[in-house]
C-alpha atoms as a PDB file:
ATOM      1  CA  MET A   1     -57.774 194.737  66.040  1.00  0.00           C
ATOM      2  CA  GLN A   2     -60.787 192.842  64.726  1.00  0.00           C
ATOM      3  CA  THR A   3     -62.832 189.742  65.356  1.00  0.00           C
ATOM      4  CA  GLU A   4     -62.965 186.935  62.850  1.00  0.00           C
ATOM      5  CA  GLU A   5     -65.289 187.537  59.906  1.00  0.00           C
ATOM      6  CA  PRO A   6     -68.492 188.605  61.715  1.00  0.00           C
ATOM      7  CA  TYR A   7     -70.982 186.084  60.376  1.00  0.00           C
ATOM      8  CA  TRP A   8     -73.333 186.813  63.309  1.00  0.00           C
ATOM      9  CA  LEU A   9     -74.281 190.436  62.495  1.00  0.00           C
ATOM     10  CA  GLU A  10     -77.810 189.668  61.293  1.00  0.00           C
ATOM     11  CA  GLU A  11     -78.536 188.104  64.672  1.00  0.00           C
ATOM     12  CA  ALA A  12     -76.664 190.824  66.572  1.00  0.00           C
ATOM     13  CA  TYR A  13     -78.748 193.585  64.994  1.00  0.00           C
ATOM     14  CA  THR A  14     -82.119 191.939  65.553  1.00  0.00           C
ATOM     15  CA  SER A  15     -82.327 194.719  68.115  1.00  0.00           C
ATOM     16  CA  ALA A  16     -80.294 197.674  66.862  1.00  0.00           C
ATOM     17  CA  ILE A  17     -79.889 199.147  70.358  1.00  0.00           C
ATOM     18  CA  THR A  18     -78.919 196.462  72.852  1.00  0.00           C
ATOM     19  CA  ALA A  19     -80.200 196.214  76.430  1.00  0.00           C
ATOM     20  CA  LEU A  20     -76.627 196.749  77.646  1.00  0.00           C
ATOM     21  CA  ASP A  21     -76.429 200.215  76.075  1.00  0.00           C
ATOM     22  CA  ILE A  22     -77.799 201.884  79.192  1.00  0.00           C
ATOM     23  CA  GLY A  23     -75.509 204.878  78.566  1.00  0.00           C
ATOM     24  CA  LEU A  24     -77.396 205.910  75.425  1.00  0.00           C
ATOM     25  CA  LEU A  25     -79.178 208.928  76.889  1.00  0.00           C
ATOM     26  CA  HIS A  26     -76.225 210.043  79.006  1.00  0.00           C
ATOM     27  CA  ARG A  27     -73.964 209.853  75.939  1.00  0.00           C
ATOM     28  CA  ASN A  28     -76.278 212.037  73.862  1.00  0.00           C
ATOM     29  CA  ILE A  29     -76.689 214.557  76.667  1.00  0.00           C
ATOM     30  CA  SER A  30     -72.957 214.834  77.388  1.00  0.00           C
ATOM     31  CA  LEU A  31     -71.897 214.991  73.721  1.00  0.00           C
ATOM     32  CA  THR A  32     -74.329 217.769  72.835  1.00  0.00           C
ATOM     33  CA  PRO A  33     -72.353 220.615  74.491  1.00  0.00           C
ATOM     34  CA  VAL A  34     -69.072 219.074  73.298  1.00  0.00           C
ATOM     35  CA  THR A  35     -70.264 219.106  69.682  1.00  0.00           C
ATOM     36  CA  ILE A  36     -71.684 222.624  70.036  1.00  0.00           C
ATOM     37  CA  SER A  37     -68.309 223.845  71.313  1.00  0.00           C
ATOM     38  CA  LEU A  38     -66.395 222.218  68.461  1.00  0.00           C
ATOM     39  CA  ILE A  39     -68.745 223.379  65.703  1.00  0.00           C
ATOM     40  CA  SER A  40     -69.034 226.937  67.014  1.00  0.00           C
ATOM     41  CA  ASN A  41     -65.278 227.424  67.187  1.00  0.00           C
ATOM     42  CA  VAL A  42     -63.984 225.421  64.223  1.00  0.00           C
ATOM     43  CA  PHE A  43     -66.772 224.923  61.670  1.00  0.00           C
ATOM     44  CA  ASN A  44     -69.524 226.943  60.025  1.00  0.00           C
ATOM     45  CA  ARG A  45     -72.422 226.639  62.469  1.00  0.00           C
ATOM     46  CA  SER A  46     -74.843 227.708  59.711  1.00  0.00           C
ATOM     47  CA  GLY A  47     -73.997 224.647  57.631  1.00  0.00           C
ATOM     48  CA  LYS A  48     -75.707 221.272  57.523  1.00  0.00           C
ATOM     49  CA  PHE A  49     -74.562 218.371  59.696  1.00  0.00           C
ATOM     50  CA  ILE A  50     -75.101 214.621  59.702  1.00  0.00           C
ATOM     51  CA  ASP A  51     -75.206 212.177  62.605  1.00  0.00           C
ATOM     52  CA  TYR A  52     -73.999 208.898  61.094  1.00  0.00           C
ATOM     53  CA  GLY A  53     -75.285 205.787  62.836  1.00  0.00           C
ATOM     54  CA  GLY A  54     -77.727 208.140  64.530  1.00  0.00           C
ATOM     55  CA  GLY A  55     -79.894 205.483  66.169  1.00  0.00           C
ATOM     56  CA  TYR A  56     -83.310 206.656  67.303  1.00  0.00           C
ATOM     57  CA  GLY A  57     -82.522 210.230  66.229  1.00  0.00           C
ATOM     58  CA  ILE A  58     -82.032 211.525  69.774  1.00  0.00           C
ATOM     59  CA  PHE A  59     -78.806 213.409  69.057  1.00  0.00           C
ATOM     60  CA  THR A  60     -80.160 214.869  65.823  1.00  0.00           C
ATOM     61  CA  ARG A  61     -83.230 216.156  67.649  1.00  0.00           C
ATOM     62  CA  MET A  62     -81.167 217.586  70.510  1.00  0.00           C
ATOM     63  CA  MET A  63     -78.821 219.416  68.149  1.00  0.00           C
ATOM     64  CA  ARG A  64     -81.721 220.796  66.109  1.00  0.00           C
ATOM     65  CA  ASP A  65     -83.271 222.040  69.349  1.00  0.00           C
ATOM     66  CA  LYS A  66     -79.995 223.925  69.910  1.00  0.00           C
ATOM     67  CA  GLY A  67     -80.174 225.550  66.466  1.00  0.00           C
ATOM     68  CA  PHE A  68     -77.902 223.270  64.425  1.00  0.00           C
ATOM     69  CA  ASP A  69     -79.202 221.902  61.124  1.00  0.00           C
ATOM     70  CA  PHE A  70     -78.586 218.192  61.810  1.00  0.00           C
ATOM     71  CA  TYR A  71     -79.801 215.150  59.877  1.00  0.00           C
ATOM     72  CA  ARG A  72     -79.650 211.473  60.737  1.00  0.00           C
ATOM     73  CA  TYR A  73     -78.342 208.371  58.928  1.00  0.00           C
ATOM     74  CA  ASP A  74     -78.725 204.801  60.206  1.00  0.00           C
ATOM     75  CA  ILE A  75     -79.294 201.561  58.298  1.00  0.00           C
ATOM     76  CA  TYR A  76     -80.207 199.463  61.336  1.00  0.00           C
ATOM     77  CA  CYS A  77     -82.329 201.594  63.643  1.00  0.00           C
ATOM     78  CA  GLU A  78     -85.768 203.176  63.338  1.00  0.00           C
ATOM     79  CA  ASN A  79     -85.857 206.965  63.451  1.00  0.00           C
ATOM     80  CA  LEU A  80     -88.156 207.788  66.369  1.00  0.00           C
ATOM     81  CA  PHE A  81     -87.209 211.314  67.400  1.00  0.00           C
ATOM     82  CA  ALA A  82     -86.037 213.040  64.197  1.00  0.00           C
ATOM     83  CA  LYS A  83     -88.520 211.948  61.538  1.00  0.00           C
ATOM     84  CA  HIS A  84     -88.351 214.071  58.362  1.00  0.00           C
ATOM     85  CA  PHE A  85     -84.708 214.846  59.193  1.00  0.00           C
ATOM     86  CA  ASP A  86     -82.953 211.856  57.704  1.00  0.00           C
ATOM     87  CA  VAL A  87     -80.244 212.242  55.072  1.00  0.00           C
ATOM     88  CA  SER A  88     -82.845 211.108  52.533  1.00  0.00           C
ATOM     89  CA  ASP A  89     -84.772 214.309  53.290  1.00  0.00           C
ATOM     90  CA  VAL A  90     -82.051 216.546  51.834  1.00  0.00           C
ATOM     91  CA  SER A  91     -80.567 216.840  48.353  1.00  0.00           C
ATOM     92  CA  SER A  92     -78.433 213.841  47.381  1.00  0.00           C
ATOM     93  CA  ASP A  93     -75.535 216.114  46.383  1.00  0.00           C
ATOM     94  CA  GLU A  94     -75.623 218.027  49.690  1.00  0.00           C
ATOM     95  CA  LYS A  95     -72.206 218.541  51.284  1.00  0.00           C
ATOM     96  CA  PHE A  96     -72.233 218.484  55.062  1.00  0.00           C
ATOM     97  CA  GLU A  97     -70.036 220.725  57.195  1.00  0.00           C
ATOM     98  CA  LEU A  98     -69.339 217.964  59.726  1.00  0.00           C
ATOM     99  CA  LEU A  99     -70.309 214.352  60.287  1.00  0.00           C
ATOM    100  CA  THR A 100     -70.632 212.955  63.801  1.00  0.00           C
ATOM    101  CA  ALA A 101     -70.266 209.201  64.376  1.00  0.00           C
ATOM    102  CA  PHE A 102     -70.557 208.435  68.056  1.00  0.00           C
ATOM    103  CA  GLU A 103     -69.940 204.821  69.050  1.00  0.00           C
ATOM    104  CA  VAL A 104     -69.943 203.728  65.416  1.00  0.00           C
ATOM    105  CA  PHE A 105     -66.364 202.845  64.434  1.00  0.00           C
ATOM    106  CA  GLU A 106     -66.249 199.781  66.693  1.00  0.00           C
ATOM    107  CA  HIS A 107     -69.256 198.403  64.767  1.00  0.00           C
ATOM    108  CA  LEU A 108     -67.565 198.531  61.334  1.00  0.00           C
ATOM    109  CA  ALA A 109     -66.639 195.297  59.588  1.00  0.00           C
ATOM    110  CA  ASP A 110     -64.605 197.227  56.991  1.00  0.00           C
ATOM    111  CA  PRO A 111     -63.543 200.563  58.551  1.00  0.00           C
ATOM    112  CA  GLY A 112     -61.627 201.729  55.468  1.00  0.00           C
ATOM    113  CA  ALA A 113     -64.569 201.241  53.127  1.00  0.00           C
ATOM    114  CA  GLU A 114     -67.060 202.745  55.588  1.00  0.00           C
ATOM    115  CA  LEU A 115     -64.825 205.784  56.066  1.00  0.00           C
ATOM    116  CA  LYS A 116     -64.975 206.355  52.307  1.00  0.00           C
ATOM    117  CA  LYS A 117     -68.787 206.365  52.535  1.00  0.00           C
ATOM    118  CA  MET A 118     -68.645 208.950  55.310  1.00  0.00           C
ATOM    119  CA  LEU A 119     -66.266 211.139  53.326  1.00  0.00           C
ATOM    120  CA  ALA A 120     -68.731 211.206  50.442  1.00  0.00           C
ATOM    121  CA  TYR A 121     -70.832 213.409  52.734  1.00  0.00           C
ATOM    122  CA  THR A 122     -68.175 215.596  54.325  1.00  0.00           C
ATOM    123  CA  ASP A 123     -64.501 216.485  54.830  1.00  0.00           C
ATOM    124  CA  ALA A 124     -64.689 216.322  58.628  1.00  0.00           C
ATOM    125  CA  ILE A 125     -65.683 213.492  60.989  1.00  0.00           C
ATOM    126  CA  PHE A 126     -66.025 213.924  64.748  1.00  0.00           C
ATOM    127  CA  PHE A 127     -66.358 210.513  66.356  1.00  0.00           C
ATOM    128  CA  SER A 128     -66.077 208.519  69.538  1.00  0.00           C
ATOM    129  CA  THR A 129     -64.528 205.120  70.089  1.00  0.00           C
ATOM    130  CA  GLU A 130     -62.466 203.806  72.984  1.00  0.00           C
ATOM    131  CA  ILE A 131     -58.745 203.350  72.360  1.00  0.00           C
ATOM    132  CA  CYS A 132     -57.330 199.864  72.896  1.00  0.00           C
ATOM    133  CA  PRO A 133     -55.349 199.341  76.091  1.00  0.00           C
ATOM    134  CA  PRO A 134     -51.642 198.769  75.376  1.00  0.00           C
ATOM    135  CA  VAL A 135     -51.745 195.188  76.717  1.00  0.00           C
ATOM    136  CA  LEU A 136     -54.613 192.716  76.651  1.00  0.00           C
ATOM    137  CA  SER A 137     -54.264 189.089  77.619  1.00  0.00           C
ATOM    138  CA  HIS A 138     -57.943 188.128  77.848  1.00  0.00           C
ATOM    139  CA  VAL A 139     -61.250 189.318  76.427  1.00  0.00           C
ATOM    140  CA  LYS A 140     -62.586 189.933  79.947  1.00  0.00           C
ATOM    141  CA  GLN A 141     -59.843 192.485  80.646  1.00  0.00           C
ATOM    142  CA  TRP A 142     -61.589 195.227  78.678  1.00  0.00           C
ATOM    143  CA  TRP A 143     -65.282 196.062  79.050  1.00  0.00           C
ATOM    144  CA  TYR A 144     -65.470 197.521  75.532  1.00  0.00           C
ATOM    145  CA  PHE A 145     -65.358 194.122  73.834  1.00  0.00           C
ATOM    146  CA  ILE A 146     -68.930 193.348  75.024  1.00  0.00           C
ATOM    147  CA  PRO A 147     -68.954 189.873  73.384  1.00  0.00           C
ATOM    148  CA  THR A 148     -72.492 189.121  74.587  1.00  0.00           C
ATOM    149  CA  THR A 149     -73.972 191.634  72.111  1.00  0.00           C
ATOM    150  CA  GLY A 150     -71.813 190.733  69.094  1.00  0.00           C
ATOM    151  CA  GLN A 151     -71.880 194.313  67.768  1.00  0.00           C
ATOM    152  CA  HIS A 152     -68.379 195.542  68.669  1.00  0.00           C
ATOM    153  CA  ILE A 153     -66.064 193.987  66.106  1.00  0.00           C
ATOM    154  CA  SER A 154     -63.306 196.557  65.363  1.00  0.00           C
ATOM    155  CA  PHE A 155     -60.955 198.195  67.859  1.00  0.00           C
ATOM    156  CA  TYR A 156     -58.330 200.885  67.339  1.00  0.00           C
ATOM    157  CA  SER A 157     -55.036 202.161  68.611  1.00  0.00           C
ATOM    158  CA  LEU A 158     -54.145 205.806  68.110  1.00  0.00           C
ATOM    159  CA  SER A 159     -51.653 204.661  65.461  1.00  0.00           C
ATOM    160  CA  ALA A 160     -54.397 202.839  63.552  1.00  0.00           C
ATOM    161  CA  LEU A 161     -56.619 205.931  63.528  1.00  0.00           C
ATOM    162  CA  ASN A 162     -53.690 208.051  62.390  1.00  0.00           C
ATOM    163  CA  ILE A 163     -53.073 205.660  59.497  1.00  0.00           C
ATOM    164  CA  LEU A 164     -56.746 205.852  58.479  1.00  0.00           C
ATOM    165  CA  ALA A 165     -56.487 209.656  58.482  1.00  0.00           C
ATOM    166  CA  LYS A 166     -53.288 209.747  56.422  1.00  0.00           C
ATOM    167  CA  LYS A 167     -54.669 207.312  53.842  1.00  0.00           C
ATOM    168  CA  ASN A 168     -57.507 209.768  53.261  1.00  0.00           C
ATOM    169  CA  ASN A 169     -55.384 212.941  53.363  1.00  0.00           C
ATOM    170  CA  LEU A 170     -56.921 214.076  56.638  1.00  0.00           C
ATOM    171  CA  ASN A 171     -55.501 215.546  59.806  1.00  0.00           C
ATOM    172  CA  PHE A 172     -56.095 213.586  63.002  1.00  0.00           C
ATOM    173  CA  TYR A 173     -56.839 215.123  66.398  1.00  0.00           C
ATOM    174  CA  THR A 174     -57.714 213.264  69.585  1.00  0.00           C
ATOM    175  CA  ASN A 175     -58.048 213.563  73.326  1.00  0.00           C
ATOM    176  CA  GLY A 176     -56.090 210.316  73.478  1.00  0.00           C
ATOM    177  CA  ARG A 177     -58.970 208.362  74.960  1.00  0.00           C
ATOM    178  CA  ASN A 178     -62.332 208.355  73.231  1.00  0.00           C
ATOM    179  CA  LEU A 179     -63.018 211.502  71.177  1.00  0.00           C
ATOM    180  CA  HIS A 180     -61.380 212.030  67.804  1.00  0.00           C
ATOM    181  CA  LEU A 181     -61.546 214.249  64.728  1.00  0.00           C
ATOM    182  CA  PHE A 182     -60.620 213.612  61.089  1.00  0.00           C
ATOM    183  CA  THR A 183     -60.561 216.854  59.128  1.00  0.00           C
ATOM    184  CA  LYS A 184     -58.842 218.708  56.312  1.00  0.00           C
ATOM    185  CA  LYS A 185     -58.614 221.726  58.617  1.00  0.00           C
ATOM    186  CA  LYS A 186     -55.409 222.370  60.514  1.00  0.00           C
ATOM    187  CA  LEU A 187     -55.888 222.900  64.241  1.00  0.00           C
ATOM    188  CA  GLN A 188     -53.756 223.266  67.307  1.00  0.00           C
ATOM    189  CA  PRO A 189     -54.050 219.896  69.097  1.00  0.00           C
ATOM    190  CA  ARG A 190     -54.235 221.663  72.451  1.00  0.00           C
ATOM    191  CA  LEU A 191     -57.133 223.812  71.206  1.00  0.00           C
ATOM    192  CA  PHE A 192     -59.015 220.731  70.043  1.00  0.00           C
ATOM    193  CA  ARG A 193     -58.600 219.054  73.423  1.00  0.00           C
ATOM    194  CA  LEU A 194     -59.839 222.197  75.177  1.00  0.00           C
ATOM    195  CA  LEU A 195     -62.904 222.613  72.964  1.00  0.00           C
ATOM    196  CA  ILE A 196     -64.057 219.024  73.474  1.00  0.00           C
ATOM    197  CA  SER A 197     -63.341 218.864  77.191  1.00  0.00           C
ATOM    198  CA  TYR A 198     -66.608 218.411  79.026  1.00  0.00           C
ATOM    199  CA  ARG A 199     -65.939 221.130  81.590  1.00  0.00           C
ATOM    200  CA  PHE A 200     -65.149 223.804  78.983  1.00  0.00           C
ATOM    201  CA  SER A 201     -67.920 222.806  76.573  1.00  0.00           C
ATOM    202  CA  LYS A 202     -70.547 222.635  79.307  1.00  0.00           C
ATOM    203  CA  TYR A 203     -69.936 226.227  80.379  1.00  0.00           C
ATOM    204  CA  TYR A 204     -69.451 227.403  76.792  1.00  0.00           C
ATOM    205  CA  SER A 205     -72.844 226.032  75.746  1.00  0.00           C
ATOM    206  CA  LEU A 206     -74.516 227.600  78.782  1.00  0.00           C
ATOM    207  CA  PHE A 207     -73.334 231.108  77.994  1.00  0.00           C
ATOM    208  CA  ARG A 208     -73.383 230.884  74.207  1.00  0.00           C
ATOM    209  CA  LYS A 209     -76.816 231.823  72.906  1.00  0.00           C
ATOM    210  CA  HIS A 210     -78.240 229.682  70.115  1.00  0.00           C
ATOM    211  CA  GLY A 211     -81.482 229.635  68.236  1.00  0.00           C
ATOM    212  CA  SER A 212     -83.640 226.547  67.869  1.00  0.00           C
ATOM    213  CA  TYR A 213     -85.354 224.682  65.044  1.00  0.00           C
ATOM    214  CA  LEU A 214     -88.037 223.431  67.419  1.00  0.00           C
ATOM    215  CA  ASP A 215     -90.911 225.688  66.293  1.00  0.00           C
ATOM    216  CA  GLU A 216     -89.872 225.609  62.641  1.00  0.00           C
ATOM    217  CA  ASP A 217     -89.599 221.810  62.674  1.00  0.00           C
ATOM    218  CA  TYR A 218     -92.981 221.487  64.355  1.00  0.00           C
ATOM    219  CA  GLU A 219     -94.637 223.424  61.534  1.00  0.00           C
ATOM    220  CA  LEU A 220     -92.777 221.460  58.855  1.00  0.00           C
ATOM    221  CA  ILE A 221     -93.751 218.091  60.340  1.00  0.00           C
ATOM    222  CA  LYS A 222     -97.352 219.175  60.892  1.00  0.00           C
ATOM    223  CA  ASN A 223     -97.671 220.300  57.260  1.00  0.00           C
ATOM    224  CA  LYS A 224     -96.050 217.146  55.900  1.00  0.00           C
ATOM    225  CA  ASP A 225     -98.234 214.871  57.989  1.00  0.00           C
ATOM    226  CA  SER A 226    -101.379 216.769  57.002  1.00  0.00           C
ATOM    227  CA  GLU A 227    -100.569 216.076  53.334  1.00  0.00           C
ATOM    228  CA  LYS A 228    -101.143 212.362  53.978  1.00  0.00           C
ATOM    229  CA  TYR A 229    -104.817 212.882  54.733  1.00  0.00           C
END
């Protein structure tokens, strides 16, 4: 389900992060253990990762602090917290182990074309977007439309996401609500739902020991910045 042709996007993205997105920090905090759980149990945690539509770089910084080699990509938003760790800072032919795209799909004017861009980086996409209610009679019935910001323009049923996956020869896994995975890997759907459940992932990340890029990144940034002077 989509809006009409979104001629208002230039105005809508005058401020990339809207004042209504008060859940930004909570979302990054809650998705960090979820992503750690998924990567640690399904993917190669020593690989490189990309946060697509990564905003201010908060999630990238948080995941690097947990020892995961994350990089950020965003065409609208300034990188405030993960400078020197944008996709442009790695080799252009780099293949990423996993791409995260949290609260991105609802912003896409052409989801099929944008998915192709994502798949140029990786074979696996872990993303969040709310699933359409089965019946809607008015725009005010569902908070996720957020018409006052003009940024949410595409909305999905589970069937629509499954079609997108099949068109790209990917398997589709979901919790049925807001967290989803496109991947070439074959998983048990029940295992996926367990790994991304907040209760399981929270305790998993507490007891699972990880390194951190914090000190290493500090030295890298310090050396790069000193080269300017």
